[in-house]
Amino acid sequence: LAEQGLATYREGRLSGWSLSPDGRAEGER
């Protein structure tokens, strides 16, 4: 999903995976 630009991984205090804007749009579709 990250390779497709649909998800991103964030480091830090609230680390983890989340949808990218394109991923959110695809999920809503």
PDB file of all heavy atoms in Angstrom:
ATOM      1  N   LEU A   1       0.838  -1.211   0.000  1.00  0.00           N
ATOM      2  CA  LEU A   1       0.000   0.000   0.000  1.00  0.00           C
ATOM      3  C   LEU A   1       0.870   1.257   0.000  1.00  0.00           C
ATOM      4  O   LEU A   1       0.549   2.247  -0.671  1.00  0.00           O
ATOM      5  CB  LEU A   1      -0.956  -0.008   1.191  1.00  0.00           C
ATOM      6  CG  LEU A   1      -2.080  -1.041   1.134  1.00  0.00           C
ATOM      7  CD1 LEU A   1      -2.824  -1.094   2.468  1.00  0.00           C
ATOM      8  CD2 LEU A   1      -3.034  -0.756  -0.007  1.00  0.00           C
ATOM      9  N   ALA A   2       1.972   1.215   0.740  1.00  0.00           N
ATOM     10  CA  ALA A   2       2.895   2.351   0.760  1.00  0.00           C
ATOM     11  C   ALA A   2       3.508   2.570  -0.624  1.00  0.00           C
ATOM     12  O   ALA A   2       3.624   3.712  -1.085  1.00  0.00           O
ATOM     13  CB  ALA A   2       3.981   2.139   1.809  1.00  0.00           C
ATOM     14  N   GLU A   3       3.895   1.480  -1.288  1.00  0.00           N
ATOM     15  CA  GLU A   3       4.458   1.592  -2.644  1.00  0.00           C
ATOM     16  C   GLU A   3       3.450   2.206  -3.614  1.00  0.00           C
ATOM     17  O   GLU A   3       3.832   2.930  -4.529  1.00  0.00           O
ATOM     18  CB  GLU A   3       4.888   0.211  -3.154  1.00  0.00           C
ATOM     19  CG  GLU A   3       6.141  -0.316  -2.511  1.00  0.00           C
ATOM     20  CD  GLU A   3       6.461  -1.738  -2.955  1.00  0.00           C
ATOM     21  OE1 GLU A   3       5.987  -2.153  -4.045  1.00  0.00           O
ATOM     22  OE2 GLU A   3       7.179  -2.425  -2.209  1.00  0.00           O
ATOM     23  N   GLN A   4       2.181   1.935  -3.403  1.00  0.00           N
ATOM     24  CA  GLN A   4       1.122   2.475  -4.261  1.00  0.00           C
ATOM     25  C   GLN A   4       0.729   3.900  -3.858  1.00  0.00           C
ATOM     26  O   GLN A   4      -0.117   4.517  -4.502  1.00  0.00           O
ATOM     27  CB  GLN A   4      -0.116   1.575  -4.193  1.00  0.00           C
ATOM     28  CG  GLN A   4       0.100   0.187  -4.726  1.00  0.00           C
ATOM     29  CD  GLN A   4      -1.070  -0.743  -4.405  1.00  0.00           C
ATOM     30  OE1 GLN A   4      -1.998  -0.404  -3.682  1.00  0.00           O
ATOM     31  NE2 GLN A   4      -1.020  -1.947  -4.955  1.00  0.00           N
ATOM     32  N   GLY A   5       1.337   4.396  -2.786  1.00  0.00           N
ATOM     33  CA  GLY A   5       1.019   5.745  -2.329  1.00  0.00           C
ATOM     34  C   GLY A   5      -0.283   5.838  -1.549  1.00  0.00           C
ATOM     35  O   GLY A   5      -0.826   6.917  -1.360  1.00  0.00           O
ATOM     36  N   LEU A   6      -0.777   4.702  -1.065  1.00  0.00           N
ATOM     37  CA  LEU A   6      -2.063   4.683  -0.363  1.00  0.00           C
ATOM     38  C   LEU A   6      -1.922   4.696   1.152  1.00  0.00           C
ATOM     39  O   LEU A   6      -2.892   4.977   1.858  1.00  0.00           O
ATOM     40  CB  LEU A   6      -2.882   3.458  -0.797  1.00  0.00           C
ATOM     41  CG  LEU A   6      -3.196   3.375  -2.299  1.00  0.00           C
ATOM     42  CD1 LEU A   6      -3.924   2.080  -2.626  1.00  0.00           C
ATOM     43  CD2 LEU A   6      -3.988   4.588  -2.752  1.00  0.00           C
ATOM     44  N   ALA A   7      -0.726   4.414   1.651  1.00  0.00           N
ATOM     45  CA  ALA A   7      -0.495   4.401   3.098  1.00  0.00           C
ATOM     46  C   ALA A   7       0.898   4.941   3.390  1.00  0.00           C
ATOM     47  O   ALA A   7       1.783   4.900   2.531  1.00  0.00           O
ATOM     48  CB  ALA A   7      -0.626   2.975   3.650  1.00  0.00           C
ATOM     49  N   THR A   8       1.066   5.450   4.599  1.00  0.00           N
ATOM     50  CA  THR A   8       2.368   5.945   5.041  1.00  0.00           C
ATOM     51  C   THR A   8       2.619   5.476   6.468  1.00  0.00           C
ATOM     52  O   THR A   8       1.679   5.227   7.226  1.00  0.00           O
ATOM     53  CB  THR A   8       2.430   7.491   5.002  1.00  0.00           C
ATOM     54  OG1 THR A   8       1.396   8.018   5.820  1.00  0.00           O
ATOM     55  CG2 THR A   8       2.275   8.022   3.602  1.00  0.00           C
ATOM     56  N   TYR A   9       3.892   5.373   6.806  1.00  0.00           N
ATOM     57  CA  TYR A   9       4.282   5.013   8.166  1.00  0.00           C
ATOM     58  C   TYR A   9       4.901   6.238   8.815  1.00  0.00           C
ATOM     59  O   TYR A   9       5.733   6.919   8.227  1.00  0.00           O
ATOM     60  CB  TYR A   9       5.285   3.856   8.184  1.00  0.00           C
ATOM     61  CG  TYR A   9       5.604   3.402   9.591  1.00  0.00           C
ATOM     62  CD1 TYR A   9       4.733   2.563  10.270  1.00  0.00           C
ATOM     63  CD2 TYR A   9       6.750   3.840  10.241  1.00  0.00           C
ATOM     64  CE1 TYR A   9       4.999   2.167  11.565  1.00  0.00           C
ATOM     65  CE2 TYR A   9       7.023   3.443  11.543  1.00  0.00           C
ATOM     66  CZ  TYR A   9       6.148   2.611  12.193  1.00  0.00           C
ATOM     67  OH  TYR A   9       6.408   2.219  13.479  1.00  0.00           O
ATOM     68  N   ARG A  10       4.485   6.503  10.033  1.00  0.00           N
ATOM     69  CA  ARG A  10       4.998   7.665  10.763  1.00  0.00           C
ATOM     70  C   ARG A  10       5.737   7.187  12.003  1.00  0.00           C
ATOM     71  O   ARG A  10       5.248   6.353  12.747  1.00  0.00           O
ATOM     72  CB  ARG A  10       3.838   8.586  11.157  1.00  0.00           C
ATOM     73  CG  ARG A  10       4.310   9.795  11.922  1.00  0.00           C
ATOM     74  CD  ARG A  10       3.233  10.792  12.227  1.00  0.00           C
ATOM     75  NE  ARG A  10       1.938  10.184  12.452  1.00  0.00           N
ATOM     76  CZ  ARG A  10       0.859  10.847  12.761  1.00  0.00           C
ATOM     77  NH1 ARG A  10       0.904  12.148  12.875  1.00  0.00           N
ATOM     78  NH2 ARG A  10      -0.284  10.244  12.953  1.00  0.00           N
ATOM     79  N   GLU A  11       6.908   7.760  12.212  1.00  0.00           N
ATOM     80  CA  GLU A  11       7.710   7.502  13.416  1.00  0.00           C
ATOM     81  C   GLU A  11       7.349   8.548  14.468  1.00  0.00           C
ATOM     82  O   GLU A  11       6.762   9.570  14.159  1.00  0.00           O
ATOM     83  CB  GLU A  11       9.208   7.612  13.090  1.00  0.00           C
ATOM     84  CG  GLU A  11       9.710   6.623  12.073  1.00  0.00           C
ATOM     85  CD  GLU A  11       9.906   5.225  12.627  1.00  0.00           C
ATOM     86  OE1 GLU A  11       9.847   5.047  13.859  1.00  0.00           O
ATOM     87  OE2 GLU A  11      10.107   4.315  11.813  1.00  0.00           O
ATOM     88  N   GLY A  12       7.743   8.293  15.700  1.00  0.00           N
ATOM     89  CA  GLY A  12       7.550   9.290  16.750  1.00  0.00           C
ATOM     90  C   GLY A  12       6.630   8.794  17.844  1.00  0.00           C
ATOM     91  O   GLY A  12       6.368   7.595  17.971  1.00  0.00           O
ATOM     92  N   ARG A  13       6.135   9.743  18.627  1.00  0.00           N
ATOM     93  CA  ARG A  13       5.295   9.411  19.781  1.00  0.00           C
ATOM     94  C   ARG A  13       4.041   8.648  19.375  1.00  0.00           C
ATOM     95  O   ARG A  13       3.642   7.700  20.046  1.00  0.00           O
ATOM     96  CB  ARG A  13       4.912  10.697  20.522  1.00  0.00           C
ATOM     97  CG  ARG A  13       4.268  10.456  21.863  1.00  0.00           C
ATOM     98  CD  ARG A  13       4.062  11.748  22.639  1.00  0.00           C
ATOM     99  NE  ARG A  13       3.127  12.650  22.010  1.00  0.00           N
ATOM    100  CZ  ARG A  13       1.822  12.668  22.228  1.00  0.00           C
ATOM    101  NH1 ARG A  13       1.288  11.827  23.067  1.00  0.00           N
ATOM    102  NH2 ARG A  13       1.051  13.538  21.609  1.00  0.00           N
ATOM    103  N   LEU A  14       3.415   9.047  18.281  1.00  0.00           N
ATOM    104  CA  LEU A  14       2.237   8.361  17.757  1.00  0.00           C
ATOM    105  C   LEU A  14       2.603   7.663  16.454  1.00  0.00           C
ATOM    106  O   LEU A  14       2.062   7.964  15.400  1.00  0.00           O
ATOM    107  CB  LEU A  14       1.085   9.348  17.544  1.00  0.00           C
ATOM    108  CG  LEU A  14       0.518  10.001  18.785  1.00  0.00           C
ATOM    109  CD1 LEU A  14      -0.520  11.054  18.412  1.00  0.00           C
ATOM    110  CD2 LEU A  14      -0.097   8.965  19.711  1.00  0.00           C
ATOM    111  N   SER A  15       3.535   6.728  16.555  1.00  0.00           N
ATOM    112  CA  SER A  15       3.999   6.048  15.354  1.00  0.00           C
ATOM    113  C   SER A  15       2.966   5.032  14.890  1.00  0.00           C
ATOM    114  O   SER A  15       2.138   4.561  15.660  1.00  0.00           O
ATOM    115  CB  SER A  15       5.341   5.370  15.611  1.00  0.00           C
ATOM    116  OG  SER A  15       5.190   4.361  16.584  1.00  0.00           O
ATOM    117  N   GLY A  16       3.035   4.735  13.616  1.00  0.00           N
ATOM    118  CA  GLY A  16       2.155   3.719  13.053  1.00  0.00           C
ATOM    119  C   GLY A  16       1.747   4.055  11.634  1.00  0.00           C
ATOM    120  O   GLY A  16       2.165   5.058  11.052  1.00  0.00           O
ATOM    121  N   TRP A  17       0.927   3.179  11.078  1.00  0.00           N
ATOM    122  CA  TRP A  17       0.473   3.306   9.700  1.00  0.00           C
ATOM    123  C   TRP A  17      -0.798   4.140   9.644  1.00  0.00           C
ATOM    124  O   TRP A  17      -1.635   4.077  10.541  1.00  0.00           O
ATOM    125  CB  TRP A  17       0.185   1.925   9.121  1.00  0.00           C
ATOM    126  CG  TRP A  17       1.424   1.131   8.850  1.00  0.00           C
ATOM    127  CD1 TRP A  17       2.027   0.234   9.694  1.00  0.00           C
ATOM    128  CD2 TRP A  17       2.223   1.171   7.677  1.00  0.00           C
ATOM    129  NE1 TRP A  17       3.152  -0.284   9.101  1.00  0.00           N
ATOM    130  CE2 TRP A  17       3.286   0.274   7.856  1.00  0.00           C
ATOM    131  CE3 TRP A  17       2.125   1.878   6.485  1.00  0.00           C
ATOM    132  CZ2 TRP A  17       4.248   0.063   6.887  1.00  0.00           C
ATOM    133  CZ3 TRP A  17       3.086   1.661   5.518  1.00  0.00           C
ATOM    134  CH2 TRP A  17       4.139   0.765   5.716  1.00  0.00           C
ATOM    135  N   SER A  18      -0.920   4.894   8.562  1.00  0.00           N
ATOM    136  CA  SER A  18      -2.153   5.637   8.304  1.00  0.00           C
ATOM    137  C   SER A  18      -2.347   5.749   6.801  1.00  0.00           C
ATOM    138  O   SER A  18      -1.415   5.552   6.017  1.00  0.00           O
ATOM    139  CB  SER A  18      -2.109   7.029   8.936  1.00  0.00           C
ATOM    140  OG  SER A  18      -1.101   7.808   8.345  1.00  0.00           O
ATOM    141  N   LEU A  19      -3.573   6.061   6.420  1.00  0.00           N
ATOM    142  CA  LEU A  19      -3.860   6.266   5.009  1.00  0.00           C
ATOM    143  C   LEU A  19      -3.274   7.592   4.550  1.00  0.00           C
ATOM    144  O   LEU A  19      -3.297   8.575   5.284  1.00  0.00           O
ATOM    145  CB  LEU A  19      -5.368   6.283   4.777  1.00  0.00           C
ATOM    146  CG  LEU A  19      -6.110   4.975   4.991  1.00  0.00           C
ATOM    147  CD1 LEU A  19      -7.612   5.203   4.874  1.00  0.00           C
ATOM    148  CD2 LEU A  19      -5.649   3.929   3.987  1.00  0.00           C
ATOM    149  N   SER A  20      -2.772   7.604   3.351  1.00  0.00           N
ATOM    150  CA  SER A  20      -2.355   8.855   2.720  1.00  0.00           C
ATOM    151  C   SER A  20      -3.634   9.519   2.193  1.00  0.00           C
ATOM    152  O   SER A  20      -4.702   8.899   2.168  1.00  0.00           O
ATOM    153  CB  SER A  20      -1.412   8.556   1.555  1.00  0.00           C
ATOM    154  OG  SER A  20      -2.136   7.887   0.525  1.00  0.00           O
ATOM    155  N   PRO A  21      -3.558  10.767   1.741  1.00  0.00           N
ATOM    156  CA  PRO A  21      -4.749  11.373   1.126  1.00  0.00           C
ATOM    157  C   PRO A  21      -5.306  10.523  -0.025  1.00  0.00           C
ATOM    158  O   PRO A  21      -6.518  10.342  -0.139  1.00  0.00           O
ATOM    159  CB  PRO A  21      -4.248  12.730   0.642  1.00  0.00           C
ATOM    160  CG  PRO A  21      -3.151  13.075   1.621  1.00  0.00           C
ATOM    161  CD  PRO A  21      -2.467  11.750   1.895  1.00  0.00           C
ATOM    162  N   ASP A  22      -4.421   9.968  -0.853  1.00  0.00           N
ATOM    163  CA  ASP A  22      -4.889   9.096  -1.941  1.00  0.00           C
ATOM    164  C   ASP A  22      -5.511   7.821  -1.386  1.00  0.00           C
ATOM    165  O   ASP A  22      -6.496   7.313  -1.925  1.00  0.00           O
ATOM    166  CB  ASP A  22      -3.740   8.736  -2.884  1.00  0.00           C
ATOM    167  CG  ASP A  22      -3.321   9.892  -3.778  1.00  0.00           C
ATOM    168  OD1 ASP A  22      -4.069  10.887  -3.869  1.00  0.00           O
ATOM    169  OD2 ASP A  22      -2.228   9.795  -4.373  1.00  0.00           O
ATOM    170  N   GLY A  23      -4.936   7.305  -0.300  1.00  0.00           N
ATOM    171  CA  GLY A  23      -5.479   6.113   0.326  1.00  0.00           C
ATOM    172  C   GLY A  23      -6.857   6.357   0.918  1.00  0.00           C
ATOM    173  O   GLY A  23      -7.752   5.517   0.816  1.00  0.00           O
ATOM    174  N   ARG A  24      -7.010   7.511   1.533  1.00  0.00           N
ATOM    175  CA  ARG A  24      -8.325   7.868   2.085  1.00  0.00           C
ATOM    176  C   ARG A  24      -9.358   7.976   0.961  1.00  0.00           C
ATOM    177  O   ARG A  24     -10.471   7.467   1.076  1.00  0.00           O
ATOM    178  CB  ARG A  24      -8.235   9.166   2.869  1.00  0.00           C
ATOM    179  CG  ARG A  24      -9.539   9.536   3.541  1.00  0.00           C
ATOM    180  CD  ARG A  24      -9.366  10.782   4.412  1.00  0.00           C
ATOM    181  NE  ARG A  24     -10.634  11.183   4.938  1.00  0.00           N
ATOM    182  CZ  ARG A  24     -11.065  10.925   6.164  1.00  0.00           C
ATOM    183  NH1 ARG A  24     -10.303  10.283   7.005  1.00  0.00           N
ATOM    184  NH2 ARG A  24     -12.253  11.326   6.563  1.00  0.00           N
ATOM    185  N   ALA A  25      -8.982   8.621  -0.145  1.00  0.00           N
ATOM    186  CA  ALA A  25      -9.899   8.755  -1.280  1.00  0.00           C
ATOM    187  C   ALA A  25     -10.278   7.381  -1.834  1.00  0.00           C
ATOM    188  O   ALA A  25     -11.445   7.123  -2.148  1.00  0.00           O
ATOM    189  CB  ALA A  25      -9.277   9.622  -2.368  1.00  0.00           C
ATOM    190  N   GLU A  26      -9.289   6.495  -1.938  1.00  0.00           N
ATOM    191  CA  GLU A  26      -9.565   5.143  -2.436  1.00  0.00           C
ATOM    192  C   GLU A  26     -10.470   4.386  -1.463  1.00  0.00           C
ATOM    193  O   GLU A  26     -11.393   3.679  -1.869  1.00  0.00           O
ATOM    194  CB  GLU A  26      -8.260   4.376  -2.662  1.00  0.00           C
ATOM    195  CG  GLU A  26      -8.440   2.919  -3.043  1.00  0.00           C
ATOM    196  CD  GLU A  26      -9.189   2.681  -4.354  1.00  0.00           C
ATOM    197  OE1 GLU A  26      -9.347   3.617  -5.164  1.00  0.00           O
ATOM    198  OE2 GLU A  26      -9.638   1.532  -4.564  1.00  0.00           O
ATOM    199  N   GLY A  27     -10.214   4.528  -0.172  1.00  0.00           N
ATOM    200  CA  GLY A  27     -11.068   3.877   0.824  1.00  0.00           C
ATOM    201  C   GLY A  27     -12.502   4.364   0.738  1.00  0.00           C
ATOM    202  O   GLY A  27     -13.453   3.563   0.811  1.00  0.00           O
ATOM    203  N   GLU A  28     -12.664   5.667   0.579  1.00  0.00           N
ATOM    204  CA  GLU A  28     -14.018   6.227   0.464  1.00  0.00           C
ATOM    205  C   GLU A  28     -14.700   5.755  -0.823  1.00  0.00           C
ATOM    206  O   GLU A  28     -15.899   5.483  -0.839  1.00  0.00           O
ATOM    207  CB  GLU A  28     -13.968   7.744   0.571  1.00  0.00           C
ATOM    208  CG  GLU A  28     -13.628   8.183   1.990  1.00  0.00           C
ATOM    209  CD  GLU A  28     -13.414   9.672   2.150  1.00  0.00           C
ATOM    210  OE1 GLU A  28     -13.523  10.424   1.146  1.00  0.00           O
ATOM    211  OE2 GLU A  28     -13.141  10.092   3.289  1.00  0.00           O
ATOM    212  N   ARG A  29     -13.927   5.618  -1.906  1.00  0.00           N
ATOM    213  CA  ARG A  29     -14.492   5.092  -3.158  1.00  0.00           C
ATOM    214  C   ARG A  29     -14.991   3.667  -2.935  1.00  0.00           C
ATOM    215  O   ARG A  29     -16.080   3.302  -3.359  1.00  0.00           O
ATOM    216  CB  ARG A  29     -13.439   5.116  -4.273  1.00  0.00           C
ATOM    217  CG  ARG A  29     -14.001   4.686  -5.638  1.00  0.00           C
ATOM    218  CD  ARG A  29     -12.918   4.308  -6.643  1.00  0.00           C
ATOM    219  NE  ARG A  29     -12.129   3.144  -6.268  1.00  0.00           N
ATOM    220  CZ  ARG A  29     -12.567   1.877  -6.322  1.00  0.00           C
ATOM    221  NH1 ARG A  29     -13.783   1.597  -6.716  1.00  0.00           N
ATOM    222  NH2 ARG A  29     -11.772   0.884  -5.968  1.00  0.00           N
TER     223      ARG A  29
END
